[in-house]
């Protein structure tokens, strides 16, 4: 993978995990992110890297869907429920 992959948070496995967490299909993610299903399929299958803008679209869709990406020990990332803000 290229330079973009070194700085990427959203790996193919994490993309699949986030979809599973939300119980979304690839089509659901495509509809919510504006990224084609074939791009999502190819990325999750490790057939190609994502452009930074495409990764940002996917991450935004996941975050709006209710997940957060957290930095884990060892430099990797995980996915967990996004904390709900309490009204003030």
PDB file of N, CA and C in Angstrom:
ATOM      1  N   UNK A   1       0.837  -1.183   0.000  1.00  0.00           N
ATOM      2  CA  UNK A   1       0.000   0.000   0.000  1.00  0.00           C
ATOM      3  C   UNK A   1       0.878   1.242   0.000  1.00  0.00           C
ATOM      4  N   UNK A   2       0.357   2.306  -0.505  1.00  0.00           N
ATOM      5  CA  UNK A   2       1.134   3.514  -0.691  1.00  0.00           C
ATOM      6  C   UNK A   2       1.193   4.399   0.537  1.00  0.00           C
ATOM      7  N   UNK A   3       1.687   5.615   0.330  1.00  0.00           N
ATOM      8  CA  UNK A   3       1.846   6.585   1.407  1.00  0.00           C
ATOM      9  C   UNK A   3       0.530   6.891   2.103  1.00  0.00           C
ATOM     10  N   UNK A   4      -0.556   6.983   1.350  1.00  0.00           N
ATOM     11  CA  UNK A   4      -1.852   7.289   1.954  1.00  0.00           C
ATOM     12  C   UNK A   4      -2.245   6.226   2.962  1.00  0.00           C
ATOM     13  N   UNK A   5      -1.904   4.974   2.696  1.00  0.00           N
ATOM     14  CA  UNK A   5      -2.265   3.896   3.599  1.00  0.00           C
ATOM     15  C   UNK A   5      -1.529   3.997   4.927  1.00  0.00           C
ATOM     16  N   UNK A   6      -0.314   4.541   4.925  1.00  0.00           N
ATOM     17  CA  UNK A   6       0.457   4.667   6.159  1.00  0.00           C
ATOM     18  C   UNK A   6      -0.218   5.616   7.137  1.00  0.00           C
ATOM     19  N   UNK A   7      -0.899   6.633   6.649  1.00  0.00           N
ATOM     20  CA  UNK A   7      -1.549   7.615   7.500  1.00  0.00           C
ATOM     21  C   UNK A   7      -3.039   7.346   7.679  1.00  0.00           C
ATOM     22  N   UNK A   8      -3.550   6.314   7.057  1.00  0.00           N
ATOM     23  CA  UNK A   8      -4.974   6.033   7.093  1.00  0.00           C
ATOM     24  C   UNK A   8      -5.386   5.478   8.443  1.00  0.00           C
ATOM     25  N   UNK A   9      -6.546   5.865   8.880  1.00  0.00           N
ATOM     26  CA  UNK A   9      -7.150   5.295  10.084  1.00  0.00           C
ATOM     27  C   UNK A   9      -8.042   4.129   9.685  1.00  0.00           C
ATOM     28  N   UNK A  10      -8.775   4.291   8.619  1.00  0.00           N
ATOM     29  CA  UNK A  10      -9.767   3.309   8.211  1.00  0.00           C
ATOM     30  C   UNK A  10      -9.118   2.224   7.354  1.00  0.00           C
ATOM     31  N   UNK A  11      -8.808   1.104   7.972  1.00  0.00           N
ATOM     32  CA  UNK A  11      -8.265  -0.043   7.239  1.00  0.00           C
ATOM     33  C   UNK A  11      -9.429  -0.848   6.661  1.00  0.00           C
ATOM     34  N   UNK A  12      -9.159  -1.748   5.720  1.00  0.00           N
ATOM     35  CA  UNK A  12     -10.244  -2.594   5.207  1.00  0.00           C
ATOM     36  C   UNK A  12     -10.953  -3.375   6.324  1.00  0.00           C
ATOM     37  N   UNK A  13     -10.190  -3.928   7.248  1.00  0.00           N
ATOM     38  CA  UNK A  13     -10.797  -4.689   8.350  1.00  0.00           C
ATOM     39  C   UNK A  13     -11.635  -3.793   9.258  1.00  0.00           C
ATOM     40  N   UNK A  14     -11.159  -2.586   9.522  1.00  0.00           N
ATOM     41  CA  UNK A  14     -11.904  -1.669  10.374  1.00  0.00           C
ATOM     42  C   UNK A  14     -13.170  -1.186   9.672  1.00  0.00           C
ATOM     43  N   UNK A  15     -13.110  -1.034   8.368  1.00  0.00           N
ATOM     44  CA  UNK A  15     -14.303  -0.661   7.597  1.00  0.00           C
ATOM     45  C   UNK A  15     -15.360  -1.759   7.735  1.00  0.00           C
ATOM     46  N   UNK A  16     -14.952  -3.012   7.583  1.00  0.00           N
ATOM     47  CA  UNK A  16     -15.890  -4.132   7.746  1.00  0.00           C
ATOM     48  C   UNK A  16     -16.434  -4.185   9.174  1.00  0.00           C
ATOM     49  N   UNK A  17     -15.549  -3.946  10.154  1.00  0.00           N
ATOM     50  CA  UNK A  17     -15.965  -3.982  11.552  1.00  0.00           C
ATOM     51  C   UNK A  17     -16.982  -2.883  11.864  1.00  0.00           C
ATOM     52  N   UNK A  18     -16.728  -1.682  11.366  1.00  0.00           N
ATOM     53  CA  UNK A  18     -17.653  -0.574  11.613  1.00  0.00           C
ATOM     54  C   UNK A  18     -19.005  -0.844  10.960  1.00  0.00           C
ATOM     55  N   UNK A  19     -18.983  -1.411   9.758  1.00  0.00           N
ATOM     56  CA  UNK A  19     -20.259  -1.767   9.120  1.00  0.00           C
ATOM     57  C   UNK A  19     -20.989  -2.814   9.946  1.00  0.00           C
ATOM     58  N   UNK A  20     -20.263  -3.800  10.430  1.00  0.00           N
ATOM     59  CA  UNK A  20     -20.870  -4.839  11.245  1.00  0.00           C
ATOM     60  C   UNK A  20     -21.438  -4.288  12.537  1.00  0.00           C
ATOM     61  N   UNK A  21     -20.709  -3.366  13.143  1.00  0.00           N
ATOM     62  CA  UNK A  21     -21.162  -2.728  14.378  1.00  0.00           C
ATOM     63  C   UNK A  21     -22.507  -2.039  14.164  1.00  0.00           C
ATOM     64  N   UNK A  22     -22.657  -1.400  13.013  1.00  0.00           N
ATOM     65  CA  UNK A  22     -23.891  -0.680  12.696  1.00  0.00           C
ATOM     66  C   UNK A  22     -24.929  -1.551  11.985  1.00  0.00           C
ATOM     67  N   UNK A  23     -24.544  -2.796  11.678  1.00  0.00           N
ATOM     68  CA  UNK A  23     -25.407  -3.713  10.937  1.00  0.00           C
ATOM     69  C   UNK A  23     -25.764  -3.128   9.573  1.00  0.00           C
ATOM     70  N   UNK A  24     -24.752  -2.563   8.895  1.00  0.00           N
ATOM     71  CA  UNK A  24     -24.912  -1.979   7.570  1.00  0.00           C
ATOM     72  C   UNK A  24     -24.336  -2.920   6.519  1.00  0.00           C
ATOM     73  N   UNK A  25     -24.975  -2.971   5.393  1.00  0.00           N
ATOM     74  CA  UNK A  25     -24.419  -3.652   4.229  1.00  0.00           C
ATOM     75  C   UNK A  25     -23.488  -2.675   3.507  1.00  0.00           C
ATOM     76  N   UNK A  26     -22.771  -3.169   2.515  1.00  0.00           N
ATOM     77  CA  UNK A  26     -21.958  -2.272   1.692  1.00  0.00           C
ATOM     78  C   UNK A  26     -22.848  -1.255   0.985  1.00  0.00           C
ATOM     79  N   UNK A  27     -24.025  -1.672   0.584  1.00  0.00           N
ATOM     80  CA  UNK A  27     -24.957  -0.752  -0.071  1.00  0.00           C
ATOM     81  C   UNK A  27     -25.416   0.334   0.891  1.00  0.00           C
ATOM     82  N   UNK A  28     -25.691  -0.038   2.151  1.00  0.00           N
ATOM     83  CA  UNK A  28     -26.063   0.961   3.159  1.00  0.00           C
ATOM     84  C   UNK A  28     -24.964   2.008   3.303  1.00  0.00           C
ATOM     85  N   UNK A  29     -23.718   1.544   3.415  1.00  0.00           N
ATOM     86  CA  UNK A  29     -22.599   2.473   3.559  1.00  0.00           C
ATOM     87  C   UNK A  29     -22.455   3.343   2.315  1.00  0.00           C
ATOM     88  N   UNK A  30     -22.622   2.752   1.149  1.00  0.00           N
ATOM     89  CA  UNK A  30     -22.537   3.524  -0.100  1.00  0.00           C
ATOM     90  C   UNK A  30     -23.597   4.625  -0.122  1.00  0.00           C
ATOM     91  N   UNK A  31     -24.820   4.280   0.250  1.00  0.00           N
ATOM     92  CA  UNK A  31     -25.907   5.263   0.262  1.00  0.00           C
ATOM     93  C   UNK A  31     -25.636   6.395   1.251  1.00  0.00           C
ATOM     94  N   UNK A  32     -25.089   6.070   2.406  1.00  0.00           N
ATOM     95  CA  UNK A  32     -24.870   7.063   3.455  1.00  0.00           C
ATOM     96  C   UNK A  32     -23.610   7.911   3.225  1.00  0.00           C
ATOM     97  N   UNK A  33     -22.651   7.370   2.478  1.00  0.00           N
ATOM     98  CA  UNK A  33     -21.379   8.075   2.309  1.00  0.00           C
ATOM     99  C   UNK A  33     -21.214   8.756   0.958  1.00  0.00           C
ATOM    100  N   UNK A  34     -21.965   8.324  -0.045  1.00  0.00           N
ATOM    101  CA  UNK A  34     -21.774   8.846  -1.386  1.00  0.00           C
ATOM    102  C   UNK A  34     -20.607   8.200  -2.117  1.00  0.00           C
ATOM    103  N   UNK A  35     -20.074   7.111  -1.560  1.00  0.00           N
ATOM    104  CA  UNK A  35     -18.984   6.355  -2.182  1.00  0.00           C
ATOM    105  C   UNK A  35     -19.616   5.137  -2.848  1.00  0.00           C
ATOM    106  N   UNK A  36     -19.153   4.792  -4.044  1.00  0.00           N
ATOM    107  CA  UNK A  36     -19.781   3.673  -4.755  1.00  0.00           C
ATOM    108  C   UNK A  36     -19.577   2.353  -4.015  1.00  0.00           C
ATOM    109  N   UNK A  37     -20.546   1.466  -4.142  1.00  0.00           N
ATOM    110  CA  UNK A  37     -20.460   0.164  -3.506  1.00  0.00           C
ATOM    111  C   UNK A  37     -19.264  -0.614  -4.034  1.00  0.00           C
ATOM    112  N   UNK A  38     -18.964  -0.466  -5.320  1.00  0.00           N
ATOM    113  CA  UNK A  38     -17.820  -1.192  -5.886  1.00  0.00           C
ATOM    114  C   UNK A  38     -16.503  -0.706  -5.272  1.00  0.00           C
ATOM    115  N   UNK A  39     -16.389   0.582  -4.982  1.00  0.00           N
ATOM    116  CA  UNK A  39     -15.188   1.092  -4.315  1.00  0.00           C
ATOM    117  C   UNK A  39     -15.078   0.508  -2.912  1.00  0.00           C
ATOM    118  N   UNK A  40     -16.191   0.467  -2.189  1.00  0.00           N
ATOM    119  CA  UNK A  40     -16.201  -0.107  -0.843  1.00  0.00           C
ATOM    120  C   UNK A  40     -15.843  -1.588  -0.907  1.00  0.00           C
ATOM    121  N   UNK A  41     -16.441  -2.312  -1.832  1.00  0.00           N
ATOM    122  CA  UNK A  41     -16.157  -3.749  -1.996  1.00  0.00           C
ATOM    123  C   UNK A  41     -14.686  -3.983  -2.285  1.00  0.00           C
ATOM    124  N   UNK A  42     -14.137  -3.228  -3.218  1.00  0.00           N
ATOM    125  CA  UNK A  42     -12.735  -3.400  -3.586  1.00  0.00           C
ATOM    126  C   UNK A  42     -11.798  -3.019  -2.441  1.00  0.00           C
ATOM    127  N   UNK A  43     -12.139  -1.975  -1.696  1.00  0.00           N
ATOM    128  CA  UNK A  43     -11.301  -1.575  -0.574  1.00  0.00           C
ATOM    129  C   UNK A  43     -11.344  -2.627   0.534  1.00  0.00           C
ATOM    130  N   UNK A  44     -12.534  -3.062   0.892  1.00  0.00           N
ATOM    131  CA  UNK A  44     -12.655  -4.063   1.947  1.00  0.00           C
ATOM    132  C   UNK A  44     -11.990  -5.380   1.549  1.00  0.00           C
ATOM    133  N   UNK A  45     -11.909  -5.654   0.275  1.00  0.00           N
ATOM    134  CA  UNK A  45     -11.236  -6.841  -0.220  1.00  0.00           C
ATOM    135  C   UNK A  45      -9.745  -6.626  -0.450  1.00  0.00           C
ATOM    136  N   UNK A  46      -9.238  -5.486  -0.017  1.00  0.00           N
ATOM    137  CA  UNK A  46      -7.813  -5.115  -0.144  1.00  0.00           C
ATOM    138  C   UNK A  46      -7.340  -5.110  -1.591  1.00  0.00           C
ATOM    139  N   UNK A  47      -8.235  -4.735  -2.504  1.00  0.00           N
ATOM    140  CA  UNK A  47      -7.866  -4.665  -3.914  1.00  0.00           C
ATOM    141  C   UNK A  47      -7.226  -3.330  -4.292  1.00  0.00           C
ATOM    142  N   UNK A  48      -7.506  -2.277  -3.498  1.00  0.00           N
ATOM    143  CA  UNK A  48      -6.864  -0.980  -3.734  1.00  0.00           C
ATOM    144  C   UNK A  48      -6.985  -0.104  -2.501  1.00  0.00           C
ATOM    145  N   UNK A  49      -6.201   0.963  -2.467  1.00  0.00           N
ATOM    146  CA  UNK A  49      -6.230   1.953  -1.387  1.00  0.00           C
ATOM    147  C   UNK A  49      -7.348   2.950  -1.645  1.00  0.00           C
ATOM    148  N   UNK A  50      -7.645   3.736  -0.628  1.00  0.00           N
ATOM    149  CA  UNK A  50      -8.613   4.822  -0.761  1.00  0.00           C
ATOM    150  C   UNK A  50      -7.882   6.153  -0.859  1.00  0.00           C
ATOM    151  N   UNK A  51      -8.458   7.080  -1.571  1.00  0.00           N
ATOM    152  CA  UNK A  51      -7.995   8.466  -1.531  1.00  0.00           C
ATOM    153  C   UNK A  51      -8.390   9.032  -0.169  1.00  0.00           C
ATOM    154  N   UNK A  52      -7.659  10.012   0.296  1.00  0.00           N
ATOM    155  CA  UNK A  52      -7.971  10.615   1.603  1.00  0.00           C
ATOM    156  C   UNK A  52      -9.399  11.156   1.660  1.00  0.00           C
ATOM    157  N   UNK A  53      -9.849  11.767   0.587  1.00  0.00           N
ATOM    158  CA  UNK A  53     -11.204  12.318   0.574  1.00  0.00           C
ATOM    159  C   UNK A  53     -12.253  11.211   0.681  1.00  0.00           C
ATOM    160  N   UNK A  54     -11.996  10.073   0.048  1.00  0.00           N
ATOM    161  CA  UNK A  54     -12.932   8.950   0.113  1.00  0.00           C
ATOM    162  C   UNK A  54     -12.949   8.379   1.517  1.00  0.00           C
ATOM    163  N   UNK A  55     -11.774   8.239   2.126  1.00  0.00           N
ATOM    164  CA  UNK A  55     -11.723   7.764   3.512  1.00  0.00           C
ATOM    165  C   UNK A  55     -12.503   8.707   4.421  1.00  0.00           C
ATOM    166  N   UNK A  56     -12.358  10.000   4.203  1.00  0.00           N
ATOM    167  CA  UNK A  56     -13.071  10.985   5.024  1.00  0.00           C
ATOM    168  C   UNK A  56     -14.578  10.844   4.865  1.00  0.00           C
ATOM    169  N   UNK A  57     -15.051  10.592   3.646  1.00  0.00           N
ATOM    170  CA  UNK A  57     -16.485  10.395   3.421  1.00  0.00           C
ATOM    171  C   UNK A  57     -16.991   9.168   4.187  1.00  0.00           C
ATOM    172  N   UNK A  58     -16.238   8.090   4.130  1.00  0.00           N
ATOM    173  CA  UNK A  58     -16.642   6.866   4.825  1.00  0.00           C
ATOM    174  C   UNK A  58     -16.634   7.074   6.333  1.00  0.00           C
ATOM    175  N   UNK A  59     -15.573   7.686   6.839  1.00  0.00           N
ATOM    176  CA  UNK A  59     -15.494   7.919   8.286  1.00  0.00           C
ATOM    177  C   UNK A  59     -16.625   8.817   8.763  1.00  0.00           C
ATOM    178  N   UNK A  60     -16.949   9.847   8.011  1.00  0.00           N
ATOM    179  CA  UNK A  60     -18.044  10.739   8.394  1.00  0.00           C
ATOM    180  C   UNK A  60     -19.365   9.979   8.446  1.00  0.00           C
ATOM    181  N   UNK A  61     -19.609   9.127   7.464  1.00  0.00           N
ATOM    182  CA  UNK A  61     -20.843   8.334   7.459  1.00  0.00           C
ATOM    183  C   UNK A  61     -20.900   7.438   8.687  1.00  0.00           C
ATOM    184  N   UNK A  62     -19.784   6.788   9.007  1.00  0.00           N
ATOM    185  CA  UNK A  62     -19.754   5.934  10.197  1.00  0.00           C
ATOM    186  C   UNK A  62     -19.983   6.741  11.468  1.00  0.00           C
ATOM    187  N   UNK A  63     -19.314   7.885  11.575  1.00  0.00           N
ATOM    188  CA  UNK A  63     -19.456   8.714  12.771  1.00  0.00           C
ATOM    189  C   UNK A  63     -20.874   9.239  12.916  1.00  0.00           C
ATOM    190  N   UNK A  64     -21.489   9.646  11.800  1.00  0.00           N
ATOM    191  CA  UNK A  64     -22.880  10.097  11.853  1.00  0.00           C
ATOM    192  C   UNK A  64     -23.818   8.939  12.169  1.00  0.00           C
ATOM    193  N   UNK A  65     -23.395   7.722  11.838  1.00  0.00           N
ATOM    194  CA  UNK A  65     -24.180   6.528  12.149  1.00  0.00           C
ATOM    195  C   UNK A  65     -24.082   6.103  13.599  1.00  0.00           C
ATOM    196  N   UNK A  66     -23.112   6.650  14.335  1.00  0.00           N
ATOM    197  CA  UNK A  66     -23.047   6.374  15.765  1.00  0.00           C
ATOM    198  C   UNK A  66     -21.804   5.671  16.261  1.00  0.00           C
ATOM    199  N   UNK A  67     -20.755   5.606  15.455  1.00  0.00           N
ATOM    200  CA  UNK A  67     -19.520   4.992  15.939  1.00  0.00           C
ATOM    201  C   UNK A  67     -18.402   6.024  16.020  1.00  0.00           C
ATOM    202  N   UNK A  68     -17.417   5.720  16.835  1.00  0.00           N
ATOM    203  CA  UNK A  68     -16.221   6.555  16.956  1.00  0.00           C
ATOM    204  C   UNK A  68     -15.006   5.686  16.683  1.00  0.00           C
ATOM    205  N   UNK A  69     -13.988   6.282  16.113  1.00  0.00           N
ATOM    206  CA  UNK A  69     -12.728   5.598  15.889  1.00  0.00           C
ATOM    207  C   UNK A  69     -11.782   6.026  16.994  1.00  0.00           C
ATOM    208  N   UNK A  70     -11.222   5.061  17.716  1.00  0.00           N
ATOM    209  CA  UNK A  70     -10.370   5.358  18.854  1.00  0.00           C
ATOM    210  C   UNK A  70      -8.968   4.822  18.613  1.00  0.00           C
ATOM    211  N   UNK A  71      -7.994   5.583  19.066  1.00  0.00           N
ATOM    212  CA  UNK A  71      -6.599   5.181  18.945  1.00  0.00           C
ATOM    213  C   UNK A  71      -6.302   4.177  20.050  1.00  0.00           C
ATOM    214  N   UNK A  72      -5.783   3.033  19.659  1.00  0.00           N
ATOM    215  CA  UNK A  72      -5.484   1.954  20.596  1.00  0.00           C
ATOM    216  C   UNK A  72      -3.980   1.904  20.845  1.00  0.00           C
ATOM    217  N   UNK A  73      -3.609   1.267  21.925  1.00  0.00           N
ATOM    218  CA  UNK A  73      -2.199   1.072  22.222  1.00  0.00           C
ATOM    219  C   UNK A  73      -1.546   0.308  21.073  1.00  0.00           C
ATOM    220  N   UNK A  74      -0.359   0.674  20.730  1.00  0.00           N
ATOM    221  CA  UNK A  74       0.355   0.018  19.640  1.00  0.00           C
ATOM    222  C   UNK A  74       0.162   0.691  18.297  1.00  0.00           C
ATOM    223  N   UNK A  75      -0.561   1.815  18.278  1.00  0.00           N
ATOM    224  CA  UNK A  75      -0.697   2.570  17.048  1.00  0.00           C
ATOM    225  C   UNK A  75      -1.829   2.157  16.142  1.00  0.00           C
ATOM    226  N   UNK A  76      -2.662   1.224  16.569  1.00  0.00           N
ATOM    227  CA  UNK A  76      -3.786   0.836  15.716  1.00  0.00           C
ATOM    228  C   UNK A  76      -5.052   1.558  16.189  1.00  0.00           C
ATOM    229  N   UNK A  77      -6.132   1.373  15.434  1.00  0.00           N
ATOM    230  CA  UNK A  77      -7.396   2.017  15.759  1.00  0.00           C
ATOM    231  C   UNK A  77      -8.482   0.973  15.940  1.00  0.00           C
ATOM    232  N   UNK A  78      -9.483   1.331  16.725  1.00  0.00           N
ATOM    233  CA  UNK A  78     -10.638   0.474  16.928  1.00  0.00           C
ATOM    234  C   UNK A  78     -11.900   1.279  16.744  1.00  0.00           C
ATOM    235  N   UNK A  79     -13.022   0.600  16.820  1.00  0.00           N
ATOM    236  CA  UNK A  79     -14.316   1.247  16.661  1.00  0.00           C
ATOM    237  C   UNK A  79     -15.157   0.947  17.908  1.00  0.00           C
ATOM    238  N   UNK A  80     -15.883   1.965  18.368  1.00  0.00           N
ATOM    239  CA  UNK A  80     -16.737   1.806  19.547  1.00  0.00           C
ATOM    240  C   UNK A  80     -17.936   2.744  19.405  1.00  0.00           C
ATOM    241  N   UNK A  81     -18.938   2.589  20.273  1.00  0.00           N
ATOM    242  CA  UNK A  81     -20.087   3.514  20.204  1.00  0.00           C
ATOM    243  C   UNK A  81     -19.641   4.940  20.466  1.00  0.00           C
ATOM    244  N   UNK A  82     -20.208   5.849  19.726  1.00  0.00           N
ATOM    245  CA  UNK A  82     -19.908   7.268  19.940  1.00  0.00           C
ATOM    246  C   UNK A  82     -20.641   7.706  21.198  1.00  0.00           C
ATOM    247  N   UNK A  83     -19.970   8.420  22.062  1.00  0.00           N
ATOM    248  CA  UNK A  83     -20.584   8.908  23.294  1.00  0.00           C
ATOM    249  C   UNK A  83     -21.657   9.935  22.953  1.00  0.00           C
ATOM    250  N   UNK A  84     -22.794   9.781  23.554  1.00  0.00           N
ATOM    251  CA  UNK A  84     -23.876  10.733  23.341  1.00  0.00           C
ATOM    252  C   UNK A  84     -23.664  11.932  24.228  1.00  0.00           C
ATOM    253  N   UNK A  85     -23.877  13.113  23.678  1.00  0.00           N
ATOM    254  CA  UNK A  85     -23.732  14.321  24.480  1.00  0.00           C
ATOM    255  C   UNK A  85     -24.999  14.519  25.284  1.00  0.00           C
ATOM    256  N   UNK A  86     -24.817  14.860  26.544  1.00  0.00           N
ATOM    257  CA  UNK A  86     -25.981  15.109  27.388  1.00  0.00           C
ATOM    258  C   UNK A  86     -26.411  16.559  27.261  1.00  0.00           C
ATOM    259  N   UNK A  87     -27.716  16.808  27.215  1.00  0.00           N
ATOM    260  CA  UNK A  87     -28.190  18.194  27.104  1.00  0.00           C
ATOM    261  C   UNK A  87     -27.815  18.996  28.328  1.00  0.00           C
ATOM    262  N   UNK A  88     -27.528  20.282  28.110  1.00  0.00           N
ATOM    263  CA  UNK A  88     -27.135  21.128  29.253  1.00  0.00           C
ATOM    264  C   UNK A  88     -28.185  22.116  29.594  1.00  0.00           C
TER     265      UNK A  88
END
